[in-house]
Amino acid sequence: MKKCKVCKMQFKPTFNSTQAVCSIICAKAKASQDESIKQRKDLRERKEKLKTKGEHAKEAQAAVNKFIRLRDAKEPCISCQRNHSGQIHAGHYLSIGARPNLRFHEQNIHAQCAPCNNHLSGNLVNYRINLIKKIGLLMVEHLESDQAPSRHDIESLQSIKTHYRKLVRELENAA
């Protein structure tokens, strides 16, 4: 006995052991479902091909930021060292505009409260002091001296997005 993939009723296969549905009606319904799934997959692939490099960068940044917020969830704001109940940002020590090569660098991004990030422009003096405490002076100096140009192509942006989404799932499942 097998279970029909469409109506979920028990049936005995009459044709062969790979029969998945119990009747012609269910076979038509299954074919319709399969076609609908194929159409959605094709549409998703076409939309993905139409995305610009900027859209891919935005999606990759969103994945990295979500990871940073989860990674630093139990830590205070990197700048003011207070635990806020409000919105937490993934604040960059060296801004994306100033150092695009450090845009996705985990040591350059830490949990930061919205007031420090938005209203105090990152509160960088306190950010640097606390960043030295967190990752060490050598790493901070390495970040500040890193001038290597980096241009991400669409494939690398997609791999960054995929990598950080995987890390986010792992952190969410661990919690």
N, C-alpha and C. Protein backbone atom coordinates (compact mmCIF):
# COMPACT_ATOMS: atom_id res chain seq x y z
N MET A 1 0.84 -1.19 0.00
CA MET A 1 0.00 0.00 0.00
C MET A 1 0.88 1.25 0.00
N LYS A 2 0.44 2.25 -0.74
CA LYS A 2 1.15 3.52 -0.80
C LYS A 2 0.18 4.66 -0.51
N LYS A 3 0.73 5.82 -0.24
CA LYS A 3 -0.08 7.01 0.03
C LYS A 3 -0.04 7.90 -1.21
N CYS A 4 -1.19 8.31 -1.70
CA CYS A 4 -1.29 9.16 -2.88
C CYS A 4 -0.67 10.52 -2.58
N LYS A 5 0.13 11.04 -3.49
CA LYS A 5 0.82 12.32 -3.32
C LYS A 5 -0.15 13.51 -3.34
N VAL A 6 -1.34 13.33 -3.89
CA VAL A 6 -2.29 14.43 -4.02
C VAL A 6 -3.37 14.36 -2.94
N CYS A 7 -4.13 13.28 -2.92
CA CYS A 7 -5.27 13.20 -2.00
C CYS A 7 -4.93 12.55 -0.67
N LYS A 8 -3.73 11.99 -0.55
CA LYS A 8 -3.21 11.39 0.69
C LYS A 8 -3.95 10.11 1.11
N MET A 9 -4.73 9.54 0.23
CA MET A 9 -5.45 8.30 0.52
C MET A 9 -4.52 7.11 0.24
N GLN A 10 -4.75 6.01 0.96
CA GLN A 10 -3.99 4.79 0.74
C GLN A 10 -4.50 4.11 -0.53
N PHE A 11 -3.55 3.57 -1.34
CA PHE A 11 -3.94 2.84 -2.54
C PHE A 11 -2.91 1.77 -2.84
N LYS A 12 -3.33 0.81 -3.65
CA LYS A 12 -2.41 -0.25 -4.07
C LYS A 12 -2.00 0.08 -5.51
N PRO A 13 -0.70 0.22 -5.78
CA PRO A 13 -0.26 0.55 -7.14
C PRO A 13 -0.69 -0.54 -8.13
N THR A 14 -1.25 -0.10 -9.27
CA THR A 14 -1.72 -1.07 -10.25
C THR A 14 -0.76 -1.20 -11.43
N PHE A 15 0.03 -0.16 -11.69
CA PHE A 15 0.90 -0.18 -12.87
C PHE A 15 2.32 -0.63 -12.52
N ASN A 16 2.95 0.07 -11.59
CA ASN A 16 4.32 -0.31 -11.18
C ASN A 16 4.60 0.27 -9.80
N SER A 17 5.77 -0.05 -9.27
CA SER A 17 6.09 0.38 -7.90
C SER A 17 6.40 1.87 -7.80
N THR A 18 6.57 2.55 -8.93
CA THR A 18 6.87 3.99 -8.89
C THR A 18 5.61 4.84 -9.02
N GLN A 19 4.46 4.22 -9.09
CA GLN A 19 3.20 4.95 -9.19
C GLN A 19 3.03 5.82 -7.95
N ALA A 20 2.79 7.13 -8.14
CA ALA A 20 2.73 8.08 -7.02
C ALA A 20 1.31 8.53 -6.69
N VAL A 21 0.38 8.31 -7.61
CA VAL A 21 -0.99 8.78 -7.39
C VAL A 21 -1.97 7.62 -7.58
N CYS A 22 -3.17 7.81 -7.01
CA CYS A 22 -4.13 6.71 -6.99
C CYS A 22 -5.04 6.66 -8.21
N SER A 23 -5.22 7.79 -8.92
CA SER A 23 -6.18 7.79 -10.02
C SER A 23 -5.77 8.80 -11.09
N ILE A 24 -6.51 8.79 -12.17
CA ILE A 24 -6.24 9.73 -13.26
C ILE A 24 -6.51 11.16 -12.82
N ILE A 25 -7.52 11.35 -12.00
CA ILE A 25 -7.84 12.69 -11.50
C ILE A 25 -6.67 13.23 -10.68
N CYS A 26 -6.13 12.39 -9.81
CA CYS A 26 -4.98 12.80 -8.99
C CYS A 26 -3.73 12.99 -9.87
N ALA A 27 -3.61 12.19 -10.92
CA ALA A 27 -2.47 12.33 -11.83
C ALA A 27 -2.51 13.69 -12.54
N LYS A 28 -3.72 14.11 -12.96
CA LYS A 28 -3.86 15.42 -13.59
C LYS A 28 -3.55 16.54 -12.60
N ALA A 29 -4.03 16.39 -11.36
CA ALA A 29 -3.77 17.39 -10.32
C ALA A 29 -2.27 17.47 -10.03
N LYS A 30 -1.60 16.30 -9.98
CA LYS A 30 -0.15 16.27 -9.73
C LYS A 30 0.60 16.94 -10.86
N ALA A 31 0.19 16.68 -12.10
CA ALA A 31 0.84 17.31 -13.26
C ALA A 31 0.67 18.82 -13.20
N SER A 32 -0.50 19.28 -12.79
CA SER A 32 -0.76 20.71 -12.66
C SER A 32 0.12 21.32 -11.57
N GLN A 33 0.25 20.62 -10.43
CA GLN A 33 1.12 21.09 -9.35
C GLN A 33 2.57 21.17 -9.81
N ASP A 34 3.02 20.13 -10.51
CA ASP A 34 4.40 20.10 -10.99
C ASP A 34 4.67 21.25 -11.96
N GLU A 35 3.70 21.52 -12.83
CA GLU A 35 3.85 22.61 -13.80
C GLU A 35 3.91 23.95 -13.08
N SER A 36 3.05 24.12 -12.07
CA SER A 36 3.03 25.36 -11.29
C SER A 36 4.36 25.57 -10.58
N ILE A 37 4.92 24.50 -10.00
CA ILE A 37 6.21 24.59 -9.33
C ILE A 37 7.30 24.98 -10.33
N LYS A 38 7.26 24.37 -11.52
CA LYS A 38 8.26 24.66 -12.56
C LYS A 38 8.15 26.13 -13.00
N GLN A 39 6.94 26.63 -13.16
CA GLN A 39 6.74 28.02 -13.57
C GLN A 39 7.28 28.98 -12.51
N ARG A 40 7.01 28.70 -11.23
CA ARG A 40 7.52 29.56 -10.15
C ARG A 40 9.05 29.55 -10.12
N LYS A 41 9.64 28.38 -10.33
CA LYS A 41 11.10 28.27 -10.35
C LYS A 41 11.68 29.07 -11.52
N ASP A 42 11.07 28.94 -12.69
CA ASP A 42 11.54 29.71 -13.86
C ASP A 42 11.42 31.20 -13.62
N LEU A 43 10.31 31.64 -13.02
CA LEU A 43 10.11 33.06 -12.73
C LEU A 43 11.16 33.57 -11.75
N ARG A 44 11.43 32.78 -10.71
CA ARG A 44 12.44 33.15 -9.72
C ARG A 44 13.82 33.28 -10.38
N GLU A 45 14.15 32.35 -11.28
CA GLU A 45 15.44 32.41 -11.98
C GLU A 45 15.52 33.62 -12.89
N ARG A 46 14.43 33.94 -13.60
CA ARG A 46 14.43 35.12 -14.47
C ARG A 46 14.58 36.40 -13.67
N LYS A 47 13.89 36.49 -12.53
CA LYS A 47 14.01 37.68 -11.67
C LYS A 47 15.43 37.82 -11.14
N GLU A 48 16.04 36.70 -10.79
CA GLU A 48 17.42 36.73 -10.28
C GLU A 48 18.39 37.25 -11.34
N LYS A 49 18.17 36.85 -12.60
CA LYS A 49 19.05 37.32 -13.69
C LYS A 49 18.88 38.80 -13.97
N LEU A 50 17.71 39.36 -13.67
CA LEU A 50 17.45 40.77 -13.93
C LEU A 50 17.98 41.71 -12.85
N LYS A 51 18.39 41.16 -11.71
CA LYS A 51 18.88 42.00 -10.62
C LYS A 51 20.19 42.66 -11.00
N THR A 52 20.32 43.90 -10.55
CA THR A 52 21.56 44.64 -10.80
C THR A 52 22.59 44.27 -9.73
N LYS A 53 23.82 44.68 -9.98
CA LYS A 53 24.89 44.43 -9.03
C LYS A 53 24.59 45.13 -7.70
N GLY A 54 24.00 46.31 -7.77
CA GLY A 54 23.63 47.05 -6.56
C GLY A 54 22.59 46.31 -5.73
N GLU A 55 21.63 45.69 -6.41
CA GLU A 55 20.61 44.91 -5.69
C GLU A 55 21.23 43.69 -5.02
N HIS A 56 22.17 43.06 -5.70
CA HIS A 56 22.86 41.92 -5.10
C HIS A 56 23.68 42.37 -3.89
N ALA A 57 24.34 43.53 -3.99
CA ALA A 57 25.13 44.06 -2.88
C ALA A 57 24.23 44.38 -1.69
N LYS A 58 23.07 44.93 -1.97
CA LYS A 58 22.12 45.26 -0.90
C LYS A 58 21.64 44.00 -0.18
N GLU A 59 21.36 42.94 -0.94
CA GLU A 59 20.92 41.68 -0.34
C GLU A 59 22.05 41.04 0.47
N ALA A 60 23.27 41.10 -0.05
CA ALA A 60 24.42 40.55 0.69
C ALA A 60 24.63 41.32 1.98
N GLN A 61 24.51 42.66 1.92
CA GLN A 61 24.70 43.48 3.12
C GLN A 61 23.61 43.17 4.15
N ALA A 62 22.40 42.96 3.69
CA ALA A 62 21.31 42.63 4.62
C ALA A 62 21.59 41.29 5.32
N ALA A 63 22.11 40.32 4.59
CA ALA A 63 22.43 39.02 5.19
C ALA A 63 23.56 39.16 6.21
N VAL A 64 24.59 39.95 5.87
CA VAL A 64 25.71 40.17 6.79
C VAL A 64 25.21 40.89 8.04
N ASN A 65 24.41 41.93 7.86
CA ASN A 65 23.89 42.70 9.00
C ASN A 65 23.05 41.83 9.93
N LYS A 66 22.23 40.97 9.36
CA LYS A 66 21.41 40.08 10.20
C LYS A 66 22.31 39.15 11.01
N PHE A 67 23.36 38.63 10.36
CA PHE A 67 24.31 37.77 11.08
C PHE A 67 24.97 38.53 12.23
N ILE A 68 25.39 39.77 11.98
CA ILE A 68 26.08 40.56 13.01
C ILE A 68 25.13 40.81 14.18
N ARG A 69 23.88 41.16 13.89
CA ARG A 69 22.92 41.40 14.98
C ARG A 69 22.68 40.15 15.81
N LEU A 70 22.64 38.99 15.16
CA LEU A 70 22.48 37.73 15.90
C LEU A 70 23.76 37.38 16.67
N ARG A 71 24.90 37.58 16.03
CA ARG A 71 26.18 37.26 16.67
C ARG A 71 26.38 38.09 17.94
N ASP A 72 26.03 39.37 17.88
CA ASP A 72 26.25 40.29 19.00
C ASP A 72 24.99 40.54 19.82
N ALA A 73 24.01 39.66 19.74
CA ALA A 73 22.72 39.89 20.38
C ALA A 73 22.81 40.09 21.89
N LYS A 74 23.72 39.42 22.54
CA LYS A 74 23.83 39.51 23.99
C LYS A 74 24.85 40.56 24.44
N GLU A 75 25.46 41.24 23.50
CA GLU A 75 26.47 42.24 23.82
C GLU A 75 25.86 43.64 23.82
N PRO A 76 26.46 44.57 24.56
CA PRO A 76 25.97 45.95 24.55
C PRO A 76 26.40 46.66 23.27
N CYS A 77 25.91 47.85 23.08
CA CYS A 77 26.30 48.70 21.94
C CYS A 77 27.82 48.87 21.97
N ILE A 78 28.47 48.71 20.84
CA ILE A 78 29.93 48.81 20.76
C ILE A 78 30.40 50.22 21.11
N SER A 79 29.59 51.23 20.88
CA SER A 79 30.01 52.61 21.12
C SER A 79 29.76 53.06 22.56
N CYS A 80 28.51 52.96 23.02
CA CYS A 80 28.16 53.50 24.33
C CYS A 80 28.16 52.45 25.44
N GLN A 81 28.30 51.19 25.08
CA GLN A 81 28.35 50.07 26.04
C GLN A 81 27.08 49.92 26.88
N ARG A 82 25.96 50.42 26.38
CA ARG A 82 24.69 50.24 27.08
C ARG A 82 23.88 49.16 26.38
N ASN A 83 23.09 48.46 27.16
CA ASN A 83 22.17 47.48 26.59
C ASN A 83 20.86 48.20 26.31
N HIS A 84 20.51 48.27 25.06
CA HIS A 84 19.29 48.97 24.65
C HIS A 84 18.19 47.98 24.35
N SER A 85 16.98 48.38 24.62
CA SER A 85 15.84 47.53 24.28
C SER A 85 15.29 47.90 22.91
N GLY A 86 15.80 48.97 22.34
CA GLY A 86 15.31 49.43 21.03
C GLY A 86 16.00 48.73 19.88
N GLN A 87 15.97 49.40 18.76
CA GLN A 87 16.51 48.84 17.53
C GLN A 87 18.04 48.76 17.59
N ILE A 88 18.57 47.64 17.16
CA ILE A 88 20.01 47.43 17.11
C ILE A 88 20.43 47.38 15.65
N HIS A 89 21.48 48.14 15.32
CA HIS A 89 22.01 48.19 13.95
C HIS A 89 23.29 47.39 13.89
N ALA A 90 23.70 47.08 12.68
CA ALA A 90 25.02 46.51 12.44
C ALA A 90 25.87 47.69 11.98
N GLY A 91 26.56 48.32 12.92
CA GLY A 91 27.31 49.55 12.63
C GLY A 91 28.72 49.26 12.15
N HIS A 92 29.12 49.95 11.09
CA HIS A 92 30.48 49.81 10.55
C HIS A 92 31.41 50.79 11.26
N TYR A 93 32.58 50.30 11.67
CA TYR A 93 33.60 51.19 12.24
C TYR A 93 34.12 52.11 11.15
N LEU A 94 34.57 51.55 10.05
CA LEU A 94 34.98 52.33 8.89
C LEU A 94 33.85 52.22 7.88
N SER A 95 33.29 53.35 7.51
CA SER A 95 32.05 53.36 6.73
C SER A 95 32.22 52.72 5.36
N ILE A 96 31.10 52.30 4.81
CA ILE A 96 31.08 51.68 3.48
C ILE A 96 31.56 52.68 2.43
N GLY A 97 31.18 53.94 2.58
CA GLY A 97 31.61 54.96 1.62
C GLY A 97 33.11 55.20 1.66
N ALA A 98 33.67 55.20 2.87
CA ALA A 98 35.10 55.45 3.02
C ALA A 98 35.93 54.22 2.67
N ARG A 99 35.46 53.07 3.06
CA ARG A 99 36.21 51.82 2.84
C ARG A 99 35.30 50.73 2.29
N PRO A 100 34.97 50.79 1.02
CA PRO A 100 34.09 49.77 0.45
C PRO A 100 34.69 48.36 0.52
N ASN A 101 36.02 48.28 0.62
CA ASN A 101 36.66 46.97 0.71
C ASN A 101 36.38 46.28 2.04
N LEU A 102 35.95 47.03 3.05
CA LEU A 102 35.65 46.46 4.36
C LEU A 102 34.14 46.33 4.60
N ARG A 103 33.37 46.49 3.56
CA ARG A 103 31.92 46.47 3.67
C ARG A 103 31.39 45.20 4.33
N PHE A 104 31.97 44.04 4.00
CA PHE A 104 31.49 42.76 4.51
C PHE A 104 32.45 42.15 5.53
N HIS A 105 33.41 42.91 6.01
CA HIS A 105 34.42 42.40 6.94
C HIS A 105 33.81 42.33 8.35
N GLU A 106 33.76 41.13 8.92
CA GLU A 106 33.08 40.93 10.21
C GLU A 106 33.71 41.73 11.34
N GLN A 107 35.02 41.96 11.30
CA GLN A 107 35.68 42.70 12.37
C GLN A 107 35.40 44.20 12.28
N ASN A 108 34.89 44.65 11.15
CA ASN A 108 34.57 46.06 10.94
C ASN A 108 33.12 46.37 11.30
N ILE A 109 32.31 45.35 11.58
CA ILE A 109 30.88 45.53 11.82
C ILE A 109 30.52 44.94 13.17
N HIS A 110 29.83 45.74 13.99
CA HIS A 110 29.43 45.28 15.32
C HIS A 110 28.07 45.85 15.66
N ALA A 111 27.42 45.22 16.65
CA ALA A 111 26.10 45.68 17.09
C ALA A 111 26.22 47.08 17.68
N GLN A 112 25.33 47.94 17.24
CA GLN A 112 25.35 49.33 17.66
C GLN A 112 23.91 49.81 17.82
N CYS A 113 23.68 50.60 18.85
CA CYS A 113 22.32 51.11 19.07
C CYS A 113 22.00 52.16 18.00
N ALA A 114 20.73 52.34 17.74
CA ALA A 114 20.29 53.29 16.72
C ALA A 114 20.71 54.72 17.04
N PRO A 115 20.62 55.19 18.30
CA PRO A 115 21.07 56.56 18.58
C PRO A 115 22.55 56.79 18.25
N CYS A 116 23.40 55.86 18.63
CA CYS A 116 24.84 56.02 18.33
C CYS A 116 25.07 55.98 16.81
N ASN A 117 24.43 55.05 16.13
CA ASN A 117 24.67 54.88 14.70
C ASN A 117 24.08 56.03 13.89
N ASN A 118 22.86 56.42 14.18
CA ASN A 118 22.18 57.44 13.38
C ASN A 118 22.46 58.87 13.85
N HIS A 119 22.27 59.13 15.13
CA HIS A 119 22.32 60.50 15.62
C HIS A 119 23.73 60.98 15.97
N LEU A 120 24.61 60.04 16.29
CA LEU A 120 25.99 60.41 16.65
C LEU A 120 26.98 60.00 15.56
N SER A 121 26.48 59.71 14.37
CA SER A 121 27.31 59.32 13.22
C SER A 121 28.26 58.17 13.55
N GLY A 122 27.78 57.23 14.32
CA GLY A 122 28.58 56.06 14.66
C GLY A 122 29.30 56.18 15.98
N ASN A 123 29.35 57.40 16.57
CA ASN A 123 30.04 57.61 17.84
C ASN A 123 31.43 56.97 17.76
N LEU A 124 32.20 57.37 16.75
CA LEU A 124 33.42 56.67 16.36
C LEU A 124 34.53 56.69 17.39
N VAL A 125 34.65 57.74 18.19
CA VAL A 125 35.71 57.78 19.20
C VAL A 125 35.50 56.65 20.20
N ASN A 126 34.28 56.55 20.73
CA ASN A 126 33.97 55.47 21.67
C ASN A 126 33.96 54.11 20.97
N TYR A 127 33.53 54.07 19.71
CA TYR A 127 33.54 52.83 18.94
C TYR A 127 34.97 52.29 18.89
N ARG A 128 35.95 53.16 18.57
CA ARG A 128 37.34 52.72 18.46
C ARG A 128 37.89 52.24 19.80
N ILE A 129 37.60 52.96 20.85
CA ILE A 129 38.08 52.57 22.19
C ILE A 129 37.57 51.17 22.55
N ASN A 130 36.28 50.96 22.36
CA ASN A 130 35.68 49.67 22.71
C ASN A 130 36.04 48.57 21.71
N LEU A 131 36.29 48.96 20.47
CA LEU A 131 36.71 47.99 19.47
C LEU A 131 38.10 47.45 19.81
N ILE A 132 38.98 48.32 20.30
CA ILE A 132 40.32 47.88 20.72
C ILE A 132 40.18 46.88 21.87
N LYS A 133 39.26 47.15 22.79
CA LYS A 133 39.04 46.22 23.90
C LYS A 133 38.51 44.88 23.39
N LYS A 134 37.70 44.93 22.35
CA LYS A 134 37.04 43.72 21.86
C LYS A 134 37.94 42.88 20.95
N ILE A 135 38.62 43.50 19.98
CA ILE A 135 39.38 42.71 19.00
C ILE A 135 40.88 42.96 19.08
N GLY A 136 41.32 43.95 19.86
CA GLY A 136 42.75 44.21 20.02
C GLY A 136 43.25 45.33 19.12
N LEU A 137 44.29 45.99 19.57
CA LEU A 137 44.85 47.13 18.85
C LEU A 137 45.40 46.72 17.49
N LEU A 138 46.08 45.58 17.41
CA LEU A 138 46.67 45.15 16.14
C LEU A 138 45.60 44.98 15.06
N MET A 139 44.47 44.38 15.42
CA MET A 139 43.40 44.17 14.44
C MET A 139 42.77 45.49 14.02
N VAL A 140 42.61 46.41 14.97
CA VAL A 140 42.05 47.73 14.65
C VAL A 140 43.00 48.47 13.70
N GLU A 141 44.28 48.43 13.99
CA GLU A 141 45.26 49.08 13.11
C GLU A 141 45.30 48.41 11.74
N HIS A 142 45.11 47.10 11.72
CA HIS A 142 45.05 46.40 10.44
C HIS A 142 43.84 46.88 9.62
N LEU A 143 42.69 47.01 10.28
CA LEU A 143 41.50 47.52 9.59
C LEU A 143 41.74 48.93 9.06
N GLU A 144 42.34 49.78 9.89
CA GLU A 144 42.56 51.18 9.50
C GLU A 144 43.58 51.30 8.37
N SER A 145 44.51 50.35 8.26
CA SER A 145 45.52 50.44 7.21
C SER A 145 45.16 49.66 5.96
N ASP A 146 44.08 48.91 6.00
CA ASP A 146 43.68 48.09 4.85
C ASP A 146 43.16 48.98 3.74
N GLN A 147 43.96 49.15 2.71
CA GLN A 147 43.58 50.00 1.58
C GLN A 147 43.38 49.18 0.30
N ALA A 148 43.42 47.89 0.43
CA ALA A 148 43.32 47.03 -0.75
C ALA A 148 41.98 47.25 -1.45
N PRO A 149 42.02 47.57 -2.73
CA PRO A 149 40.75 47.74 -3.45
C PRO A 149 40.08 46.38 -3.62
N SER A 150 38.78 46.37 -3.46
CA SER A 150 38.05 45.13 -3.72
C SER A 150 36.76 45.47 -4.43
N ARG A 151 36.58 44.81 -5.53
CA ARG A 151 35.35 44.97 -6.28
C ARG A 151 34.69 43.60 -6.32
N HIS A 152 33.49 43.56 -5.84
CA HIS A 152 32.77 42.30 -5.82
C HIS A 152 31.95 42.18 -7.10
N ASP A 153 32.08 41.03 -7.75
CA ASP A 153 31.21 40.77 -8.89
C ASP A 153 29.93 40.11 -8.38
N ILE A 154 28.99 39.91 -9.26
CA ILE A 154 27.68 39.38 -8.86
C ILE A 154 27.82 38.00 -8.23
N GLU A 155 28.68 37.15 -8.77
CA GLU A 155 28.86 35.81 -8.23
C GLU A 155 29.39 35.87 -6.80
N SER A 156 30.36 36.75 -6.54
CA SER A 156 30.91 36.83 -5.18
C SER A 156 29.87 37.40 -4.21
N LEU A 157 29.06 38.34 -4.67
CA LEU A 157 28.00 38.88 -3.82
C LEU A 157 26.97 37.80 -3.49
N GLN A 158 26.65 36.97 -4.48
CA GLN A 158 25.71 35.87 -4.23
C GLN A 158 26.30 34.87 -3.25
N SER A 159 27.59 34.60 -3.37
CA SER A 159 28.20 33.64 -2.44
C SER A 159 28.28 34.21 -1.02
N ILE A 160 28.52 35.52 -0.90
CA ILE A 160 28.52 36.17 0.41
C ILE A 160 27.12 36.05 1.04
N LYS A 161 26.10 36.36 0.23
CA LYS A 161 24.72 36.28 0.72
C LYS A 161 24.38 34.86 1.15
N THR A 162 24.74 33.88 0.36
CA THR A 162 24.47 32.48 0.68
C THR A 162 25.20 32.06 1.95
N HIS A 163 26.46 32.45 2.07
CA HIS A 163 27.27 32.09 3.23
C HIS A 163 26.67 32.65 4.52
N TYR A 164 26.32 33.92 4.50
CA TYR A 164 25.80 34.54 5.73
C TYR A 164 24.38 34.10 6.05
N ARG A 165 23.59 33.79 5.05
CA ARG A 165 22.26 33.25 5.33
C ARG A 165 22.38 31.88 6.00
N LYS A 166 23.37 31.09 5.58
CA LYS A 166 23.62 29.80 6.21
C LYS A 166 24.03 30.00 7.66
N LEU A 167 24.93 30.96 7.91
CA LEU A 167 25.36 31.24 9.29
C LEU A 167 24.19 31.72 10.15
N VAL A 168 23.31 32.53 9.58
CA VAL A 168 22.13 33.01 10.31
C VAL A 168 21.24 31.84 10.69
N ARG A 169 21.01 30.92 9.75
CA ARG A 169 20.17 29.74 10.06
C ARG A 169 20.79 28.93 11.19
N GLU A 170 22.12 28.76 11.14
CA GLU A 170 22.80 28.01 12.20
C GLU A 170 22.64 28.68 13.56
N LEU A 171 22.80 30.02 13.59
CA LEU A 171 22.64 30.74 14.85
C LEU A 171 21.20 30.68 15.36
N GLU A 172 20.25 30.79 14.44
CA GLU A 172 18.84 30.74 14.84
C GLU A 172 18.48 29.35 15.35
N ASN A 173 19.02 28.32 14.74
CA ASN A 173 18.73 26.95 15.18
C ASN A 173 19.41 26.63 16.50
N ALA A 174 20.55 27.26 16.75
CA ALA A 174 21.28 27.02 18.00
C ALA A 174 20.58 27.69 19.18
N ALA A 175 19.83 28.75 18.90
CA ALA A 175 19.17 29.50 19.98
C ALA A 175 17.93 28.84 20.49
